[in-house]
C-alpha atoms as a PDB file:
ATOM      1  CA  UNK A   1     -13.226   1.913 -10.243  1.00  0.00           C
ATOM      2  CA  UNK A   2      -9.750   3.094 -10.329  1.00  0.00           C
ATOM      3  CA  UNK A   3      -7.998   6.044 -10.403  1.00  0.00           C
ATOM      4  CA  UNK A   4      -4.658   7.152 -11.237  1.00  0.00           C
ATOM      5  CA  UNK A   5      -3.035  10.343  -9.100  1.00  0.00           C
ATOM      6  CA  UNK A   6      -0.013  12.362  -9.686  1.00  0.00           C
ATOM      7  CA  UNK A   7       1.266  13.872  -7.009  1.00  0.00           C
ATOM      8  CA  UNK A   8       1.975  17.438  -9.359  1.00  0.00           C
ATOM      9  CA  UNK A   9       4.611  20.193  -8.119  1.00  0.00           C
ATOM     10  CA  UNK A  10       2.550  20.770  -5.040  1.00  0.00           C
ATOM     11  CA  UNK A  11       3.322  17.288  -3.363  1.00  0.00           C
ATOM     12  CA  UNK A  12       6.321  15.817  -1.062  1.00  0.00           C
ATOM     13  CA  UNK A  13       8.663  14.143  -3.149  1.00  0.00           C
ATOM     14  CA  UNK A  14      10.078  10.698  -1.473  1.00  0.00           C
ATOM     15  CA  UNK A  15      13.791  10.242  -1.318  1.00  0.00           C
ATOM     16  CA  UNK A  16      13.232   7.224  -3.333  1.00  0.00           C
ATOM     17  CA  UNK A  17      11.900   8.128  -6.613  1.00  0.00           C
ATOM     18  CA  UNK A  18       7.983   7.928  -7.350  1.00  0.00           C
ATOM     19  CA  UNK A  19       6.481   4.469  -5.828  1.00  0.00           C
ATOM     20  CA  UNK A  20       3.775   3.234  -7.385  1.00  0.00           C
ATOM     21  CA  UNK A  21       0.669   1.727  -4.855  1.00  0.00           C
ATOM     22  CA  UNK A  22      -2.253  -0.295  -5.358  1.00  0.00           C
ATOM     23  CA  UNK A  23      -4.759   1.091  -2.820  1.00  0.00           C
ATOM     24  CA  UNK A  24      -7.302  -1.161  -1.939  1.00  0.00           C
ATOM     25  CA  UNK A  25     -10.165   0.920  -0.588  1.00  0.00           C
ATOM     26  CA  UNK A  26     -13.733   1.403  -0.137  1.00  0.00           C
ATOM     27  CA  UNK A  27     -12.977   5.424  -0.129  1.00  0.00           C
ATOM     28  CA  UNK A  28     -10.694   6.636  -2.628  1.00  0.00           C
ATOM     29  CA  UNK A  29     -10.525   9.925  -0.237  1.00  0.00           C
ATOM     30  CA  UNK A  30      -9.647   8.251   2.686  1.00  0.00           C
ATOM     31  CA  UNK A  31      -6.814   9.469   4.932  1.00  0.00           C
ATOM     32  CA  UNK A  32      -4.530   6.639   3.447  1.00  0.00           C
ATOM     33  CA  UNK A  33      -4.947   7.762   0.095  1.00  0.00           C
ATOM     34  CA  UNK A  34      -4.303  10.858   0.774  1.00  0.00           C
ATOM     35  CA  UNK A  35      -0.800  10.633   3.082  1.00  0.00           C
ATOM     36  CA  UNK A  36       0.194   8.013   0.095  1.00  0.00           C
ATOM     37  CA  UNK A  37      -0.062  11.003  -2.414  1.00  0.00           C
ATOM     38  CA  UNK A  38       1.675  13.694   0.489  1.00  0.00           C
ATOM     39  CA  UNK A  39       4.464  11.157   0.471  1.00  0.00           C
ATOM     40  CA  UNK A  40       4.826  11.354  -3.756  1.00  0.00           C
ATOM     41  CA  UNK A  41       3.031   7.983  -4.415  1.00  0.00           C
ATOM     42  CA  UNK A  42       1.836   7.238  -7.703  1.00  0.00           C
ATOM     43  CA  UNK A  43      -1.399   5.672  -6.464  1.00  0.00           C
ATOM     44  CA  UNK A  44      -3.655   3.577  -8.390  1.00  0.00           C
ATOM     45  CA  UNK A  45      -7.007   2.895  -6.123  1.00  0.00           C
ATOM     46  CA  UNK A  46      -9.111  -0.126  -6.209  1.00  0.00           C
ATOM     47  CA  UNK A  47     -12.609  -0.817  -4.719  1.00  0.00           C
ATOM     48  CA  UNK A  48     -12.849  -4.583  -5.366  1.00  0.00           C
ATOM     49  CA  UNK A  49     -10.366  -6.973  -3.990  1.00  0.00           C
ATOM     50  CA  UNK A  50     -10.133  -9.722  -6.521  1.00  0.00           C
ATOM     51  CA  UNK A  51      -9.651  -6.297  -8.974  1.00  0.00           C
ATOM     52  CA  UNK A  52      -6.900  -5.161  -7.214  1.00  0.00           C
ATOM     53  CA  UNK A  53      -5.090  -8.262  -6.656  1.00  0.00           C
ATOM     54  CA  UNK A  54      -5.406  -8.997 -10.715  1.00  0.00           C
ATOM     55  CA  UNK A  55      -4.028  -5.613 -11.651  1.00  0.00           C
ATOM     56  CA  UNK A  56      -1.460  -6.124  -8.994  1.00  0.00           C
ATOM     57  CA  UNK A  57      -0.181  -9.508 -10.995  1.00  0.00           C
ATOM     58  CA  UNK A  58      -0.849  -8.661 -14.512  1.00  0.00           C
ATOM     59  CA  UNK A  59       1.024  -5.228 -14.221  1.00  0.00           C
ATOM     60  CA  UNK A  60       4.333  -5.398 -16.277  1.00  0.00           C
ATOM     61  CA  UNK A  61       6.186  -3.137 -14.555  1.00  0.00           C
ATOM     62  CA  UNK A  62       4.917  -4.142 -10.610  1.00  0.00           C
ATOM     63  CA  UNK A  63       3.629  -2.235  -7.921  1.00  0.00           C
ATOM     64  CA  UNK A  64       6.223  -1.291  -4.974  1.00  0.00           C
ATOM     65  CA  UNK A  65       3.569  -1.037  -2.697  1.00  0.00           C
ATOM     66  CA  UNK A  66       0.217  -3.095  -1.699  1.00  0.00           C
ATOM     67  CA  UNK A  67      -1.995  -0.892   0.818  1.00  0.00           C
ATOM     68  CA  UNK A  68      -5.020  -2.412   1.710  1.00  0.00           C
ATOM     69  CA  UNK A  69      -7.746  -0.332   4.075  1.00  0.00           C
ATOM     70  CA  UNK A  70      -8.699  -3.870   5.762  1.00  0.00           C
ATOM     71  CA  UNK A  71     -12.028  -2.907   7.513  1.00  0.00           C
ATOM     72  CA  UNK A  72     -13.911  -2.657   4.330  1.00  0.00           C
ATOM     73  CA  UNK A  73     -12.473  -6.157   3.006  1.00  0.00           C
ATOM     74  CA  UNK A  74     -13.247  -8.761   5.874  1.00  0.00           C
ATOM     75  CA  UNK A  75     -10.976  -7.112   8.225  1.00  0.00           C
ATOM     76  CA  UNK A  76      -8.245  -9.401   9.318  1.00  0.00           C
ATOM     77  CA  UNK A  77      -9.279 -12.462   7.767  1.00  0.00           C
ATOM     78  CA  UNK A  78      -9.922 -10.408   4.492  1.00  0.00           C
ATOM     79  CA  UNK A  79      -6.346  -9.260   4.829  1.00  0.00           C
ATOM     80  CA  UNK A  80      -4.837 -12.907   5.317  1.00  0.00           C
ATOM     81  CA  UNK A  81      -7.020 -13.701   2.406  1.00  0.00           C
ATOM     82  CA  UNK A  82      -5.850 -11.145  -0.027  1.00  0.00           C
ATOM     83  CA  UNK A  83      -1.802 -12.011   1.489  1.00  0.00           C
ATOM     84  CA  UNK A  84      -2.548 -15.898   0.342  1.00  0.00           C
ATOM     85  CA  UNK A  85      -3.661 -15.217  -3.078  1.00  0.00           C
ATOM     86  CA  UNK A  86      -0.708 -12.969  -3.971  1.00  0.00           C
ATOM     87  CA  UNK A  87       1.418 -15.401  -2.370  1.00  0.00           C
ATOM     88  CA  UNK A  88      -0.458 -18.317  -4.615  1.00  0.00           C
ATOM     89  CA  UNK A  89       0.233 -15.870  -7.452  1.00  0.00           C
ATOM     90  CA  UNK A  90       3.852 -15.372  -6.700  1.00  0.00           C
ATOM     91  CA  UNK A  91       3.447 -11.727  -6.702  1.00  0.00           C
ATOM     92  CA  UNK A  92       6.343 -10.824  -4.161  1.00  0.00           C
ATOM     93  CA  UNK A  93       5.046  -7.758  -2.752  1.00  0.00           C
ATOM     94  CA  UNK A  94       5.574  -4.865   0.129  1.00  0.00           C
ATOM     95  CA  UNK A  95       2.203  -4.798   1.769  1.00  0.00           C
ATOM     96  CA  UNK A  96       1.000  -2.475   4.330  1.00  0.00           C
ATOM     97  CA  UNK A  97      -2.464  -3.197   5.936  1.00  0.00           C
ATOM     98  CA  UNK A  98      -4.900  -0.105   7.778  1.00  0.00           C
ATOM     99  CA  UNK A  99      -7.578  -1.606   9.952  1.00  0.00           C
ATOM    100  CA  UNK A 100      -9.477  -1.717  13.037  1.00  0.00           C
ATOM    101  CA  UNK A 101      -8.428  -5.115  13.976  1.00  0.00           C
ATOM    102  CA  UNK A 102      -4.790  -3.589  15.012  1.00  0.00           C
ATOM    103  CA  UNK A 103      -3.901  -1.942  18.420  1.00  0.00           C
ATOM    104  CA  UNK A 104      -1.047  -0.159  17.584  1.00  0.00           C
ATOM    105  CA  UNK A 105       1.668  -0.442  14.907  1.00  0.00           C
ATOM    106  CA  UNK A 106       3.429  -3.118  13.557  1.00  0.00           C
ATOM    107  CA  UNK A 107       6.751  -2.772  12.173  1.00  0.00           C
ATOM    108  CA  UNK A 108       8.381  -6.274  11.419  1.00  0.00           C
ATOM    109  CA  UNK A 109      11.616  -7.029  10.573  1.00  0.00           C
ATOM    110  CA  UNK A 110      11.367  -9.942   7.803  1.00  0.00           C
ATOM    111  CA  UNK A 111      10.962  -8.814   4.105  1.00  0.00           C
ATOM    112  CA  UNK A 112       8.064 -11.085   3.376  1.00  0.00           C
ATOM    113  CA  UNK A 113       6.122 -10.013   6.096  1.00  0.00           C
ATOM    114  CA  UNK A 114       3.306  -6.781   6.213  1.00  0.00           C
ATOM    115  CA  UNK A 115       3.502  -3.552   7.953  1.00  0.00           C
ATOM    116  CA  UNK A 116      -0.049  -3.190  10.002  1.00  0.00           C
ATOM    117  CA  UNK A 117      -1.330   0.112  11.516  1.00  0.00           C
ATOM    118  CA  UNK A 118      -4.433   1.026  13.165  1.00  0.00           C
ATOM    119  CA  UNK A 119      -7.288   2.662  11.134  1.00  0.00           C
ATOM    120  CA  UNK A 120      -6.827   5.966  13.714  1.00  0.00           C
ATOM    121  CA  UNK A 121      -2.682   5.952  13.268  1.00  0.00           C
ATOM    122  CA  UNK A 122      -1.384   9.419  13.276  1.00  0.00           C
ATOM    123  CA  UNK A 123       0.776  10.948  10.357  1.00  0.00           C
ATOM    124  CA  UNK A 124       3.936  10.427  11.712  1.00  0.00           C
ATOM    125  CA  UNK A 125       3.269   6.358  12.380  1.00  0.00           C
ATOM    126  CA  UNK A 126       1.606   6.006   9.030  1.00  0.00           C
ATOM    127  CA  UNK A 127       4.994   7.798   7.129  1.00  0.00           C
ATOM    128  CA  UNK A 128       7.154   5.363   9.482  1.00  0.00           C
ATOM    129  CA  UNK A 129       4.927   2.401   8.687  1.00  0.00           C
ATOM    130  CA  UNK A 130       5.657   3.909   4.394  1.00  0.00           C
ATOM    131  CA  UNK A 131       9.824   3.894   5.180  1.00  0.00           C
ATOM    132  CA  UNK A 132       9.601   0.869   7.189  1.00  0.00           C
ATOM    133  CA  UNK A 133       7.767  -1.491   4.596  1.00  0.00           C
ATOM    134  CA  UNK A 134      10.099   0.695   1.938  1.00  0.00           C
ATOM    135  CA  UNK A 135      13.091   0.120   3.345  1.00  0.00           C
ATOM    136  CA  UNK A 136      14.905  -1.989   1.025  1.00  0.00           C
ATOM    137  CA  UNK A 137      13.428  -1.215  -1.672  1.00  0.00           C
ATOM    138  CA  UNK A 138      16.373  -0.555  -4.639  1.00  0.00           C
ATOM    139  CA  UNK A 139      15.851   2.549  -6.393  1.00  0.00           C
ATOM    140  CA  UNK A 140      15.794   2.333 -10.388  1.00  0.00           C
ATOM    141  CA  UNK A 141      16.683   5.040 -12.841  1.00  0.00           C
ATOM    142  CA  UNK A 142      15.403   4.742 -16.244  1.00  0.00           C
ATOM    143  CA  UNK A 143      18.071   7.169 -19.127  1.00  0.00           C
END
């Protein structure tokens, strides 16, 4: 299943313009989905790991961020599999992982590392992870 949500006029406008996000989740109305929309993301939702990865690799514009709610897809092992597949496909992606395998938020400094957030993360910590993972994203303006 895939869905596309636009933020409309009521959502917060992100500082960097619209962020295209692929969200892998088993619950399209999850806290992560709602937070991403509130942050102004253009959200594409998948309930299937292989389908999400295929859409990321095949998308001609490219996604800005891949967010995976890990618990429904094998936890940390599932996340490692997803990241390995993205690397094998030479997809250069920013990644944010959300799951109960993480005890506390991790905001690594490496450009090719994933932000990891506990499933019960606060709104502020989620926002910090979102901003952190996108910190070096170049803004593209179409004229």
